[in-house]
Amino acid sequence: MARQRVTMADVARKAGVSTTAVSLVLNDRQGTRLSEDAAKRVRAAADELGYRPNLTARALSTRKSRIIGFISEQVTVDRLASGLIRGALREAKRQNHVLFIAETEGEADALDEAVDALTDRQVDGIIYAATRPHALRLPARVGGTPVVMLNAVADDPEGSPGGPRPDAVLADERAGAVDVVDLLLDAGHSEGVVIVGRSVDQPDDEWLSLAVQRRLEGIWESLGAHGVRPIAQLPCLPWSVKAGYEAVRDLLAAGVTPHALICLNDRLSFGAYRALGEAGLQVGRDVSVVSFDDDDIAVYLHPMLTTAAAPFEEMGALAVRLLLDDDREPGEHLVPMPTRVRDSVHLTRARAAELQQQSPEPDWTR
């Protein structure tokens, strides 16, 4: 037999007050004339009876369900982008909301069903997330429900079906690329630089996402600012360990020995490490390597990999904050990609000598 739900009337009888008084106390209404003793009795009675508010009724009266919808393509199984959900979950909990998660696997029908299920539950808003940053279609049935795009942008430049183009939370790929490549070039690597992952004359394909475009913009911006031209650009499809290994292996077999590699993601760099090692070259001594994403394995490589970290947890948290902030500034919201400085970048001899000259010898006579 199902347990009967405890009502406000039950709490009122237990506390010896009216149901109106119970509603005022449990909804934290300010400025009431209830005594502190009465409020304590109400809370104690609610705890003892196990009272839980009727969220559906509360949503109807306050127009707030304290539920956030989270729709993804394959974020829940992606090893990197699962951080989006972790960040969103933590921030939702901090703001006394719960997250309802739906996964579409890229199917249009599944997307429509997810939107219907969430809007039927009167969610306070929907976060629409992608594994790889790109443009996503918003179904018309979103209506006036607030939407924040996470690791994605809306594909309709005119806006969503129910209003203006929704806010988008993205990693600041361009600035992150500038920072990590600046670090490499500031170590003195003005010659023998190789880009692993994509070339400028490579035809557009499914891997040329919004993030990749901006990542490349940052790389070339830094190279241009330092007056550096790469000696090779190695296209790789897909961006896998195997592809990175084969690209660098073939480069070495052709008689080209790089001084520095800019790998467009960590998986490519893992393969590059192996190819360099097989050729008797040591990362961090003979060849410097920088990369992107900060995969968990990056700290277990020898030497540990210097890489621009994908800030997925911070992005997920920001998406929740934006969704619940009625005064937010509309548009794109970029989250910095911190550079994890480790051991895969070494100073060239010329740069080391230059720095040595800039540092005055200590005066031991004092």
Protein backbone atom coordinates (compact mmCIF):
# COMPACT_ATOMS: atom_id res chain seq x y z
CA MET A 1 0.00 0.00 0.00
CA ALA A 2 1.40 3.38 -1.00
CA ARG A 3 2.31 5.75 1.78
CA GLN A 4 -0.08 8.72 2.00
CA ARG A 5 1.53 12.05 1.19
CA VAL A 6 1.98 14.44 4.10
CA THR A 7 0.16 17.73 3.44
CA MET A 8 0.42 21.26 4.80
CA ALA A 9 -2.77 20.60 6.72
CA ASP A 10 -1.04 17.73 8.54
CA VAL A 11 1.86 20.01 9.45
CA ALA A 12 -0.55 22.74 10.58
CA ARG A 13 -2.39 20.35 12.92
CA LYS A 14 0.89 19.08 14.36
CA ALA A 15 2.25 22.60 14.93
CA GLY A 16 -1.04 24.11 16.10
CA VAL A 17 -1.14 26.82 13.46
CA SER A 18 -3.07 27.56 10.27
CA THR A 19 -2.17 26.15 6.87
CA THR A 20 -1.49 29.73 5.75
CA ALA A 21 1.11 30.06 8.50
CA VAL A 22 2.73 26.80 7.37
CA SER A 23 2.90 28.06 3.78
CA LEU A 24 4.48 31.35 4.85
CA VAL A 25 7.14 29.64 6.97
CA LEU A 26 8.07 26.86 4.56
CA ASN A 27 8.24 29.25 1.62
CA ASP A 28 10.49 31.62 3.61
CA ARG A 29 8.16 34.56 3.19
CA GLN A 30 9.58 37.65 4.86
CA GLY A 31 7.70 40.27 6.87
CA THR A 32 5.09 37.94 8.44
CA ARG A 33 3.74 38.52 11.95
CA LEU A 34 4.38 34.94 13.01
CA SER A 35 6.42 34.53 16.17
CA GLU A 36 9.79 32.82 16.06
CA ASP A 37 8.35 30.12 18.31
CA ALA A 38 5.55 29.40 15.84
CA ALA A 39 8.03 29.24 12.96
CA LYS A 40 10.21 26.77 14.90
CA ARG A 41 7.14 24.58 15.63
CA VAL A 42 6.22 24.54 11.94
CA ARG A 43 9.71 23.50 10.84
CA ALA A 44 9.96 20.87 13.55
CA ALA A 45 6.56 19.43 12.61
CA ALA A 46 7.50 19.34 8.92
CA ASP A 47 10.74 17.50 9.71
CA GLU A 48 9.04 15.02 12.03
CA LEU A 49 6.27 14.20 9.56
CA GLY A 50 8.62 14.10 6.57
CA TYR A 51 6.76 16.82 4.70
CA ARG A 52 7.90 17.48 1.14
CA PRO A 53 6.51 20.41 -0.86
CA ASN A 54 4.40 19.74 -3.94
CA LEU A 55 6.78 21.05 -6.58
CA THR A 56 4.17 20.96 -9.32
CA ALA A 57 1.84 23.17 -7.33
CA ARG A 58 4.71 25.46 -6.37
CA ALA A 59 5.76 25.75 -10.01
CA LEU A 60 2.24 26.79 -10.98
CA SER A 61 2.14 29.51 -8.33
CA THR A 62 5.72 30.79 -8.63
CA ARG A 63 6.34 29.95 -12.31
CA LYS A 64 9.58 28.33 -11.15
CA SER A 65 10.04 24.54 -11.15
CA ARG A 66 13.66 24.56 -9.91
CA ILE A 67 14.38 22.09 -12.71
CA ILE A 68 16.89 22.66 -15.51
CA GLY A 69 16.82 20.57 -18.66
CA PHE A 70 20.14 19.40 -20.10
CA ILE A 71 20.02 18.04 -23.65
CA SER A 72 23.15 16.58 -25.21
CA GLU A 73 24.17 14.63 -28.27
CA GLN A 74 26.70 12.25 -26.74
CA VAL A 75 28.13 14.30 -23.91
CA THR A 76 27.30 11.73 -21.26
CA VAL A 77 29.69 9.15 -22.70
CA ASP A 78 32.44 11.45 -23.97
CA ARG A 79 35.57 11.17 -21.84
CA LEU A 80 36.35 14.88 -22.01
CA ALA A 81 32.99 16.56 -22.34
CA SER A 82 31.47 14.70 -19.38
CA GLY A 83 32.99 17.62 -17.50
CA LEU A 84 30.19 19.77 -18.93
CA ILE A 85 27.66 17.75 -16.98
CA ARG A 86 29.75 17.68 -13.79
CA GLY A 87 30.03 21.45 -13.81
CA ALA A 88 26.34 21.94 -14.55
CA LEU A 89 25.29 19.45 -11.85
CA ARG A 90 27.40 21.14 -9.18
CA GLU A 91 26.21 24.63 -10.03
CA ALA A 92 22.57 23.52 -10.24
CA LYS A 93 22.86 21.93 -6.80
CA ARG A 94 24.46 25.08 -5.42
CA GLN A 95 21.49 27.07 -6.69
CA ASN A 96 18.94 24.56 -5.34
CA HIS A 97 18.00 23.21 -8.76
CA VAL A 98 18.05 19.72 -10.19
CA LEU A 99 19.24 18.72 -13.64
CA PHE A 100 17.15 16.51 -15.93
CA ILE A 101 19.44 15.02 -18.60
CA ALA A 102 18.36 13.81 -22.03
CA GLU A 103 20.67 12.41 -24.72
CA THR A 104 19.73 12.54 -28.40
CA GLU A 105 22.69 10.84 -30.16
CA GLY A 106 22.21 13.46 -32.87
CA GLU A 107 18.73 12.21 -33.85
CA ALA A 108 16.20 14.93 -34.71
CA ASP A 109 13.22 12.91 -33.43
CA ALA A 110 14.99 12.26 -30.13
CA LEU A 111 15.69 15.99 -29.81
CA ASP A 112 12.04 16.87 -30.33
CA GLU A 113 10.97 14.25 -27.79
CA ALA A 114 13.46 15.55 -25.24
CA VAL A 115 12.29 19.14 -25.66
CA ASP A 116 8.65 18.06 -25.29
CA ALA A 117 9.41 16.06 -22.15
CA LEU A 118 11.26 18.95 -20.54
CA THR A 119 8.85 21.73 -21.48
CA ASP A 120 5.91 19.58 -20.30
CA ARG A 121 7.60 19.59 -16.88
CA GLN A 122 7.84 23.38 -16.99
CA VAL A 123 11.63 23.45 -16.62
CA ASP A 124 13.11 26.85 -15.82
CA GLY A 125 15.32 26.58 -18.88
CA ILE A 126 17.21 24.25 -21.19
CA ILE A 127 20.95 23.82 -21.69
CA TYR A 128 21.67 22.40 -25.14
CA ALA A 129 25.18 20.90 -25.22
CA ALA A 130 27.46 19.43 -27.87
CA THR A 131 30.52 17.20 -27.71
CA ARG A 132 32.29 19.15 -30.48
CA PRO A 133 31.61 22.90 -30.79
CA HIS A 134 29.40 23.52 -33.81
CA ALA A 135 26.04 24.96 -34.83
CA LEU A 136 22.97 23.12 -33.55
CA ARG A 137 19.37 23.38 -34.72
CA LEU A 138 16.85 24.52 -32.13
CA PRO A 139 13.45 22.88 -32.59
CA ALA A 140 10.46 25.21 -32.92
CA ARG A 141 8.78 23.54 -29.93
CA VAL A 142 11.32 25.18 -27.58
CA GLY A 143 8.97 28.16 -27.72
CA GLY A 144 9.67 30.78 -25.07
CA THR A 145 11.66 28.49 -22.77
CA PRO A 146 15.04 30.10 -21.99
CA VAL A 147 17.92 28.30 -23.73
CA VAL A 148 21.69 28.45 -23.29
CA MET A 149 23.90 26.71 -25.85
CA LEU A 150 26.85 24.90 -24.26
CA ASN A 151 29.93 24.17 -26.36
CA ALA A 152 27.76 25.10 -29.36
CA VAL A 153 25.98 27.97 -31.09
CA ALA A 154 22.51 28.13 -32.62
CA ASP A 155 22.55 27.55 -36.36
CA ASP A 156 19.93 30.26 -37.01
CA PRO A 157 21.59 33.69 -37.03
CA GLU A 158 18.16 35.34 -36.71
CA GLY A 159 17.44 33.68 -33.38
CA SER A 160 15.56 30.81 -31.81
CA PRO A 161 11.97 29.98 -32.76
CA GLY A 162 10.70 31.66 -29.58
CA GLY A 163 12.88 34.74 -29.52
CA PRO A 164 16.42 36.07 -30.00
CA ARG A 165 19.44 33.91 -30.61
CA PRO A 166 20.25 32.13 -27.34
CA ASP A 167 23.38 32.70 -25.31
CA ALA A 168 26.34 30.43 -26.03
CA VAL A 169 29.07 29.24 -23.66
CA LEU A 170 32.32 28.30 -25.41
CA ALA A 171 35.96 27.77 -24.57
CA ASP A 172 38.12 30.71 -25.62
CA GLU A 173 40.00 28.63 -28.17
CA ARG A 174 41.71 31.51 -29.96
CA ALA A 175 43.17 33.07 -26.81
CA GLY A 176 44.09 29.64 -25.44
CA ALA A 177 45.99 28.86 -28.63
CA VAL A 178 47.80 32.19 -28.56
CA ASP A 179 48.91 31.56 -24.96
CA VAL A 180 50.24 28.04 -25.46
CA VAL A 181 52.01 28.84 -28.75
CA ASP A 182 53.46 32.04 -27.26
CA LEU A 183 54.94 29.89 -24.50
CA LEU A 184 56.57 27.63 -27.10
CA LEU A 185 57.96 30.49 -29.17
CA ASP A 186 59.13 32.45 -26.14
CA ALA A 187 61.31 29.42 -25.35
CA GLY A 188 63.23 30.27 -28.51
CA HIS A 189 61.64 27.93 -31.06
CA SER A 190 61.68 30.17 -34.12
CA GLU A 191 62.79 27.38 -36.48
CA GLY A 192 61.70 23.83 -37.16
CA VAL A 193 58.10 24.32 -36.02
CA VAL A 194 55.55 21.74 -37.25
CA ILE A 195 51.75 21.84 -36.91
CA VAL A 196 50.27 18.37 -36.40
CA GLY A 197 46.58 17.90 -37.22
CA ARG A 198 45.64 20.23 -40.03
CA SER A 199 47.08 22.25 -42.92
CA VAL A 200 45.81 25.57 -44.24
CA ASP A 201 45.05 24.10 -47.68
CA GLN A 202 43.13 21.11 -46.30
CA PRO A 203 39.52 20.95 -47.59
CA ASP A 204 36.71 21.57 -45.12
CA ASP A 205 35.41 18.43 -43.42
CA GLU A 206 33.43 17.33 -40.37
CA TRP A 207 36.47 17.84 -38.13
CA LEU A 208 36.68 21.55 -38.96
CA SER A 209 34.46 22.58 -36.07
CA LEU A 210 34.02 26.06 -34.65
CA ALA A 211 36.59 25.24 -31.95
CA VAL A 212 39.16 24.03 -34.48
CA GLN A 213 38.73 27.16 -36.61
CA ARG A 214 39.35 29.41 -33.63
CA ARG A 215 42.18 27.23 -32.36
CA LEU A 216 43.90 27.56 -35.73
CA GLU A 217 43.30 31.31 -35.77
CA GLY A 218 45.10 31.60 -32.43
CA ILE A 219 48.00 29.42 -33.57
CA TRP A 220 48.57 31.46 -36.72
CA GLU A 221 48.12 34.72 -34.83
CA SER A 222 50.92 33.79 -32.44
CA LEU A 223 53.18 32.51 -35.22
CA GLY A 224 52.63 35.69 -37.21
CA ALA A 225 53.31 37.94 -34.23
CA HIS A 226 56.66 36.19 -33.74
CA GLY A 227 57.51 36.13 -37.45
CA VAL A 228 57.62 32.32 -37.48
CA ARG A 229 56.61 30.10 -40.41
CA PRO A 230 56.18 26.37 -39.80
CA ILE A 231 58.34 24.04 -41.85
CA ALA A 232 55.49 21.53 -42.20
CA GLN A 233 51.75 21.15 -41.61
CA LEU A 234 50.59 17.56 -41.18
CA PRO A 235 46.88 16.90 -41.87
CA CYS A 236 45.43 14.09 -39.76
CA LEU A 237 42.01 12.45 -39.96
CA PRO A 238 40.78 11.55 -37.46
CA TRP A 239 42.64 13.26 -34.62
CA SER A 240 43.74 10.02 -33.02
CA VAL A 241 46.87 8.60 -31.39
CA LYS A 242 47.44 6.47 -34.49
CA ALA A 243 47.12 9.43 -36.86
CA GLY A 244 49.54 11.52 -34.81
CA TYR A 245 52.04 8.68 -34.67
CA GLU A 246 51.92 7.99 -38.40
CA ALA A 247 52.13 11.66 -39.39
CA VAL A 248 55.25 12.34 -37.29
CA ARG A 249 56.79 8.98 -38.20
CA ASP A 250 56.43 9.73 -41.91
CA LEU A 251 57.85 13.23 -41.43
CA LEU A 252 60.95 11.82 -39.74
CA ALA A 253 61.28 9.12 -42.41
CA ALA A 254 61.36 11.88 -45.03
CA GLY A 255 64.45 13.30 -43.36
CA VAL A 256 62.77 16.23 -41.61
CA THR A 257 63.65 16.63 -37.93
CA PRO A 258 61.37 19.11 -36.14
CA HIS A 259 62.46 21.28 -33.25
CA ALA A 260 58.92 21.92 -31.98
CA LEU A 261 55.48 20.39 -32.53
CA ILE A 262 52.14 22.13 -32.15
CA CYS A 263 49.62 19.27 -31.89
CA LEU A 264 45.98 20.24 -32.31
CA ASN A 265 44.85 17.87 -29.57
CA ASP A 266 46.38 15.63 -26.92
CA ARG A 267 45.67 12.37 -28.74
CA LEU A 268 47.81 13.51 -31.65
CA SER A 269 50.59 14.42 -29.23
CA PHE A 270 50.49 10.96 -27.62
CA GLY A 271 51.22 9.43 -31.03
CA ALA A 272 53.88 12.05 -31.73
CA TYR A 273 55.67 11.14 -28.49
CA ARG A 274 55.96 7.52 -29.64
CA ALA A 275 57.21 8.41 -33.13
CA LEU A 276 59.84 10.75 -31.71
CA GLY A 277 60.96 8.16 -29.18
CA GLU A 278 61.36 5.49 -31.85
CA ALA A 279 63.61 7.89 -33.75
CA GLY A 280 65.80 8.42 -30.70
CA LEU A 281 64.49 11.92 -30.02
CA GLN A 282 63.48 12.93 -26.51
CA VAL A 283 60.57 15.27 -25.90
CA GLY A 284 61.59 18.17 -23.69
CA ARG A 285 65.24 17.87 -24.69
CA ASP A 286 65.47 17.42 -28.47
CA VAL A 287 61.93 18.41 -29.45
CA SER A 288 59.39 20.59 -27.64
CA VAL A 289 55.68 19.72 -27.82
CA VAL A 290 52.55 21.70 -26.95
CA SER A 291 48.97 20.58 -27.33
CA PHE A 292 45.31 21.15 -26.46
CA ASP A 293 42.60 19.68 -24.17
CA ASP A 294 44.57 18.47 -21.09
CA ASP A 295 43.53 14.84 -21.34
CA ASP A 296 43.90 12.86 -18.10
CA ILE A 297 46.83 10.94 -19.60
CA ALA A 298 48.82 14.14 -20.24
CA VAL A 299 50.33 14.08 -16.74
CA TYR A 300 51.40 10.43 -17.11
CA LEU A 301 53.48 10.97 -20.24
CA HIS A 302 57.24 11.29 -19.86
CA PRO A 303 57.87 14.14 -19.84
CA MET A 304 54.48 15.48 -18.79
CA LEU A 305 52.71 17.35 -21.58
CA THR A 306 52.27 21.13 -21.71
CA THR A 307 48.76 21.73 -23.01
CA ALA A 308 45.90 24.24 -23.12
CA ALA A 309 43.17 22.81 -20.88
CA ALA A 310 39.58 22.50 -22.06
CA PRO A 311 37.58 24.18 -19.24
CA PHE A 312 34.51 21.96 -19.51
CA GLU A 313 33.47 21.99 -15.84
CA GLU A 314 33.70 25.79 -15.70
CA MET A 315 31.66 25.99 -18.91
CA GLY A 316 28.92 23.75 -17.52
CA ALA A 317 28.70 25.82 -14.35
CA LEU A 318 28.57 29.08 -16.30
CA ALA A 319 25.73 27.77 -18.48
CA VAL A 320 23.61 27.19 -15.37
CA ARG A 321 24.41 30.63 -13.94
CA LEU A 322 23.49 32.32 -17.21
CA LEU A 323 20.27 30.38 -17.53
CA LEU A 324 19.13 31.51 -14.07
CA ASP A 325 20.30 35.11 -14.46
CA ASP A 326 17.59 37.33 -15.91
CA ASP A 327 20.04 40.24 -16.19
CA ARG A 328 22.74 38.43 -18.17
CA GLU A 329 24.41 40.07 -21.14
CA PRO A 330 23.29 38.23 -24.31
CA GLY A 331 25.78 36.75 -26.75
CA GLU A 332 28.80 34.48 -26.61
CA HIS A 333 30.42 33.86 -23.24
CA LEU A 334 34.01 32.65 -23.54
CA VAL A 335 35.72 30.67 -20.78
CA PRO A 336 39.55 30.91 -20.63
CA MET A 337 41.65 27.86 -21.47
CA PRO A 338 44.48 27.79 -18.90
CA THR A 339 47.87 26.58 -20.08
CA ARG A 340 49.10 23.61 -18.04
CA VAL A 341 52.83 24.28 -18.06
CA ARG A 342 54.70 21.01 -17.59
CA ASP A 343 57.92 19.51 -18.94
CA SER A 344 57.49 19.06 -22.71
CA VAL A 345 58.91 22.47 -23.66
CA HIS A 346 62.62 23.25 -23.31
CA LEU A 347 64.60 26.44 -23.85
CA THR A 348 66.72 26.51 -26.97
CA ARG A 349 70.43 27.10 -26.37
CA ALA A 350 70.19 30.56 -27.88
CA ARG A 351 67.25 31.50 -25.68
CA ALA A 352 68.90 30.10 -22.57
CA ALA A 353 72.05 32.12 -23.31
CA GLU A 354 69.97 35.24 -23.89
CA LEU A 355 68.21 34.85 -20.56
CA GLN A 356 71.52 34.20 -18.86
CA GLN A 357 72.87 37.50 -20.19
CA GLN A 358 69.78 39.33 -18.97
CA SER A 359 70.30 38.02 -15.43
CA PRO A 360 73.15 39.87 -13.70
CA GLU A 361 75.74 37.82 -11.89
CA PRO A 362 75.24 37.89 -8.12
CA ASP A 363 77.63 40.17 -6.21
CA TRP A 364 79.29 37.81 -3.73
CA THR A 365 81.44 40.63 -2.23
CA ARG A 366 78.54 42.09 -0.29
